[in-house]
Protein backbone atom coordinates (compact mmCIF):
# COMPACT_ATOMS: atom_id res chain seq x y z
CA UNK A 1 12.71 5.53 -20.79
CA UNK A 2 9.99 8.23 -20.04
CA UNK A 3 8.39 10.03 -22.47
CA UNK A 4 5.54 12.50 -22.75
CA UNK A 5 3.47 9.38 -24.70
CA UNK A 6 4.40 7.12 -21.77
CA UNK A 7 3.41 9.42 -18.83
CA UNK A 8 -0.23 10.12 -20.85
CA UNK A 9 -0.71 5.94 -21.43
CA UNK A 10 0.29 5.96 -17.55
CA UNK A 11 -2.36 8.18 -16.62
CA UNK A 12 -4.70 7.36 -18.54
CA UNK A 13 -4.27 3.47 -17.50
CA UNK A 14 -4.36 4.20 -13.80
CA UNK A 15 -7.79 6.32 -14.07
CA UNK A 16 -9.47 3.54 -16.25
CA UNK A 17 -8.36 1.16 -13.09
CA UNK A 18 -9.33 3.30 -10.60
CA UNK A 19 -13.01 3.50 -12.22
CA UNK A 20 -13.40 -0.09 -12.75
CA UNK A 21 -12.36 -0.50 -8.87
CA UNK A 22 -15.18 1.80 -7.69
CA UNK A 23 -17.48 0.22 -10.16
CA UNK A 24 -16.56 -3.18 -8.16
CA UNK A 25 -16.71 -1.72 -4.78
CA UNK A 26 -19.17 -2.99 -1.66
CA UNK A 27 -21.72 -0.07 -0.84
CA UNK A 28 -20.38 2.32 2.08
CA UNK A 29 -22.22 0.82 4.69
CA UNK A 30 -21.64 -0.06 8.37
CA UNK A 31 -17.96 -0.31 9.05
CA UNK A 32 -16.91 0.67 5.53
CA UNK A 33 -18.43 4.02 6.02
CA UNK A 34 -15.57 5.19 8.57
CA UNK A 35 -12.77 3.56 6.18
CA UNK A 36 -10.32 5.36 3.99
CA UNK A 37 -10.94 4.19 0.37
CA UNK A 38 -8.38 2.55 -1.17
CA UNK A 39 -8.30 1.21 -5.06
CA UNK A 40 -4.97 0.74 -5.72
CA UNK A 41 -2.35 -2.00 -4.55
CA UNK A 42 0.87 -2.35 -5.72
CA UNK A 43 2.59 -6.30 -5.80
CA UNK A 44 5.89 -6.89 -6.44
CA UNK A 45 6.23 -9.11 -9.37
CA UNK A 46 8.34 -11.51 -7.40
CA UNK A 47 5.11 -12.26 -4.60
CA UNK A 48 3.89 -15.70 -4.98
CA UNK A 49 0.30 -16.53 -4.77
CA UNK A 50 -0.65 -13.69 -6.43
CA UNK A 51 -4.35 -15.37 -7.51
CA UNK A 52 -5.00 -15.37 -3.88
CA UNK A 53 -3.92 -11.69 -3.59
CA UNK A 54 -6.11 -10.55 -6.72
CA UNK A 55 -9.06 -12.26 -5.00
CA UNK A 56 -8.06 -9.97 -2.44
CA UNK A 57 -8.18 -7.03 -4.03
CA UNK A 58 -11.28 -7.80 -5.62
CA UNK A 59 -13.21 -8.29 -2.91
CA UNK A 60 -11.69 -5.26 -1.58
CA UNK A 61 -12.91 -3.26 -5.02
CA UNK A 62 -9.21 -2.69 -5.61
CA UNK A 63 -6.86 -3.51 -8.53
CA UNK A 64 -3.77 -4.67 -8.59
CA UNK A 65 -0.54 -2.87 -10.13
CA UNK A 66 2.66 -4.78 -10.75
CA UNK A 67 5.93 -3.01 -9.68
CA UNK A 68 8.85 -4.43 -11.27
CA UNK A 69 12.75 -3.59 -10.83
CA UNK A 70 12.27 -0.37 -12.62
CA UNK A 71 9.92 1.96 -10.20
CA UNK A 72 10.44 5.60 -12.30
CA UNK A 73 7.61 4.41 -15.25
CA UNK A 74 5.59 3.88 -12.35
CA UNK A 75 6.26 6.63 -9.93
CA UNK A 76 6.43 9.56 -12.43
CA UNK A 77 4.50 8.09 -15.34
CA UNK A 78 1.54 7.20 -13.30
CA UNK A 79 1.42 7.95 -9.77
CA UNK A 80 2.76 11.21 -9.67
CA UNK A 81 0.46 12.03 -12.71
CA UNK A 82 -2.82 10.83 -10.82
CA UNK A 83 -1.63 12.53 -7.59
CA UNK A 84 -0.94 15.84 -9.15
CA UNK A 85 -4.72 15.56 -9.86
CA UNK A 86 -6.38 14.28 -7.00
CA UNK A 87 -4.27 14.69 -4.02
CA UNK A 88 -6.61 12.28 -2.07
CA UNK A 89 -5.21 9.27 -3.41
CA UNK A 90 -4.36 6.48 -0.83
CA UNK A 91 -2.26 3.84 -1.98
CA UNK A 92 -1.49 0.29 -0.63
CA UNK A 93 0.94 -2.37 -1.56
CA UNK A 94 2.74 -5.53 -1.17
CA UNK A 95 6.83 -4.73 -1.96
CA UNK A 96 10.65 -5.12 -1.37
CA UNK A 97 11.88 -2.93 1.22
CA UNK A 98 13.45 -1.13 -1.44
CA UNK A 99 10.35 -0.69 -3.80
CA UNK A 100 8.68 0.73 -0.32
CA UNK A 101 11.70 3.12 0.54
CA UNK A 102 11.27 5.27 -2.90
CA UNK A 103 7.48 4.93 -2.96
CA UNK A 104 7.38 6.50 0.38
CA UNK A 105 10.15 9.22 -0.61
CA UNK A 106 8.04 10.48 -3.43
CA UNK A 107 4.85 9.75 -1.68
CA UNK A 108 5.55 12.00 1.32
CA UNK A 109 6.40 15.08 -1.08
CA UNK A 110 2.67 14.58 -1.97
CA UNK A 111 1.29 14.82 1.36
CA UNK A 112 0.97 11.01 1.83
CA UNK A 113 2.02 9.71 5.05
CA UNK A 114 2.24 5.74 6.15
CA UNK A 115 -0.47 4.47 8.60
CA UNK A 116 -0.08 0.80 8.08
CA UNK A 117 3.30 -1.26 7.85
CA UNK A 118 3.88 -4.84 8.05
CA UNK A 119 7.30 -6.90 7.83
CA UNK A 120 6.76 -10.52 6.25
CA UNK A 121 10.08 -12.82 6.62
CA UNK A 122 10.98 -16.16 7.14
CA UNK A 123 8.75 -18.69 9.28
CA UNK A 124 8.68 -18.39 12.64
CA UNK A 125 7.47 -16.55 15.72
CA UNK A 126 8.69 -13.42 14.30
CA UNK A 127 7.56 -13.81 10.78
CA UNK A 128 5.22 -11.29 10.79
CA UNK A 129 5.68 -7.64 12.44
CA UNK A 130 2.52 -5.69 11.83
CA UNK A 131 2.46 -1.65 12.71
CA UNK A 132 -0.78 -0.07 12.49
CA UNK A 133 -4.27 0.29 14.02
CA UNK A 134 -5.56 -2.15 16.55
CA UNK A 135 -8.34 -3.39 14.27
CA UNK A 136 -5.65 -3.97 11.10
CA UNK A 137 -3.25 -5.34 13.46
CA UNK A 138 -5.84 -7.94 14.95
CA UNK A 139 -7.45 -8.55 11.58
CA UNK A 140 -4.08 -9.30 9.83
CA UNK A 141 -3.87 -12.08 12.34
CA UNK A 142 -7.44 -13.79 11.98
CA UNK A 143 -7.20 -13.19 8.17
CA UNK A 144 -4.09 -15.04 7.85
CA UNK A 145 -4.86 -18.04 9.96
CA UNK A 146 -7.51 -18.14 7.38
CA UNK A 147 -6.54 -17.72 4.03
CA UNK A 148 -2.75 -17.54 4.25
CA UNK A 149 -0.28 -14.34 5.26
CA UNK A 150 -0.22 -13.11 1.49
CA UNK A 151 -3.85 -12.83 1.06
CA UNK A 152 -4.18 -11.27 3.97
CA UNK A 153 -1.65 -8.68 4.23
CA UNK A 154 -3.14 -7.56 0.85
CA UNK A 155 -6.86 -7.36 2.50
CA UNK A 156 -5.54 -5.90 5.50
CA UNK A 157 -3.63 -3.13 3.58
CA UNK A 158 -6.63 -1.89 1.83
CA UNK A 159 -8.84 -1.74 4.58
CA UNK A 160 -7.92 1.53 6.53
CA UNK A 161 -9.93 2.98 9.30
CA UNK A 162 -10.41 6.94 9.23
CA UNK A 163 -9.26 7.02 12.32
CA UNK A 164 -5.82 5.59 11.62
CA UNK A 165 -2.60 7.73 12.44
CA UNK A 166 0.54 8.28 10.67
CA UNK A 167 3.18 6.16 12.17
CA UNK A 168 5.78 8.25 12.64
CA UNK A 169 8.21 5.58 11.46
CA UNK A 170 11.83 6.81 10.15
CA UNK A 171 12.59 5.45 6.79
CA UNK A 172 16.08 4.49 8.53
CA UNK A 173 14.92 0.94 9.46
CA UNK A 174 14.30 -0.04 5.78
CA UNK A 175 17.94 0.56 4.97
CA UNK A 176 19.37 -2.62 6.80
CA UNK A 177 15.88 -4.64 5.03
CA UNK A 178 17.19 -3.14 2.01
CA UNK A 179 20.75 -4.72 2.12
CA UNK A 180 19.30 -8.29 3.38
CA UNK A 181 16.75 -8.23 0.85
CA UNK A 182 14.21 -11.44 1.41
CA UNK A 183 11.46 -10.07 3.58
CA UNK A 184 8.53 -8.43 1.89
CA UNK A 185 6.45 -5.36 3.16
CA UNK A 186 2.40 -4.77 3.25
CA UNK A 187 1.73 -0.87 3.68
CA UNK A 188 -0.97 1.63 3.56
CA UNK A 189 -0.20 5.44 2.19
CA UNK A 190 -2.91 7.74 2.70
CA UNK A 191 -3.12 11.69 2.51
CA UNK A 192 -2.51 13.50 5.58
CA UNK A 193 -5.99 15.09 5.14
CA UNK A 194 -7.50 11.53 6.30
CA UNK A 195 -5.72 11.07 9.00
CA UNK A 196 -3.91 12.83 12.14
CA UNK A 197 -1.56 15.46 10.77
CA UNK A 198 1.35 13.97 12.77
CA UNK A 199 4.38 15.21 10.42
CA UNK A 200 7.44 14.46 12.56
CA UNK A 201 8.94 10.95 11.49
CA UNK A 202 10.94 9.61 14.82
CA UNK A 203 13.54 6.92 14.44
CA UNK A 204 12.15 3.45 15.37
CA UNK A 205 13.15 1.16 18.37
């Protein structure tokens, strides 16, 4: 149950974690100078290999927030509170389709759009489908071979080029994924001011 106390506690916790993540970040030079700064990674509590995911987040100067089955405290007690004070606050994650669906719906109202999306299913040639800037697609493939796909998904979602454009993908494709379950999605949401203002969401083909 959300109360004024829990909302304030959530805002204070996220603000403190964001400052800590900024302190750990590498200097902005070279490639990083043309990147969108992402300091928060949401991770489904059921995701395996969490130690590797946290290491990947640490290397990117980001902190990890666990996502449980009840998204309301996180959405309205933490994220919305923070967006209300800082609209230029991007977000990355490795979550279920259901969590992404609801997070996107709320984030869209605050001007954020999806610029990177990875679907991670069972083993096989189609286990991973990555949509986003070419450098992120290539980066995921390279990292996955070296460090495993979960760590690669976390690393990739936190390293977004400033030239990234909204994907323009409808949320409709998430509905069957929500019904099937099983797959995890890595994603990055950024304010439209940090990317091209492509507002129309077209159905995925």
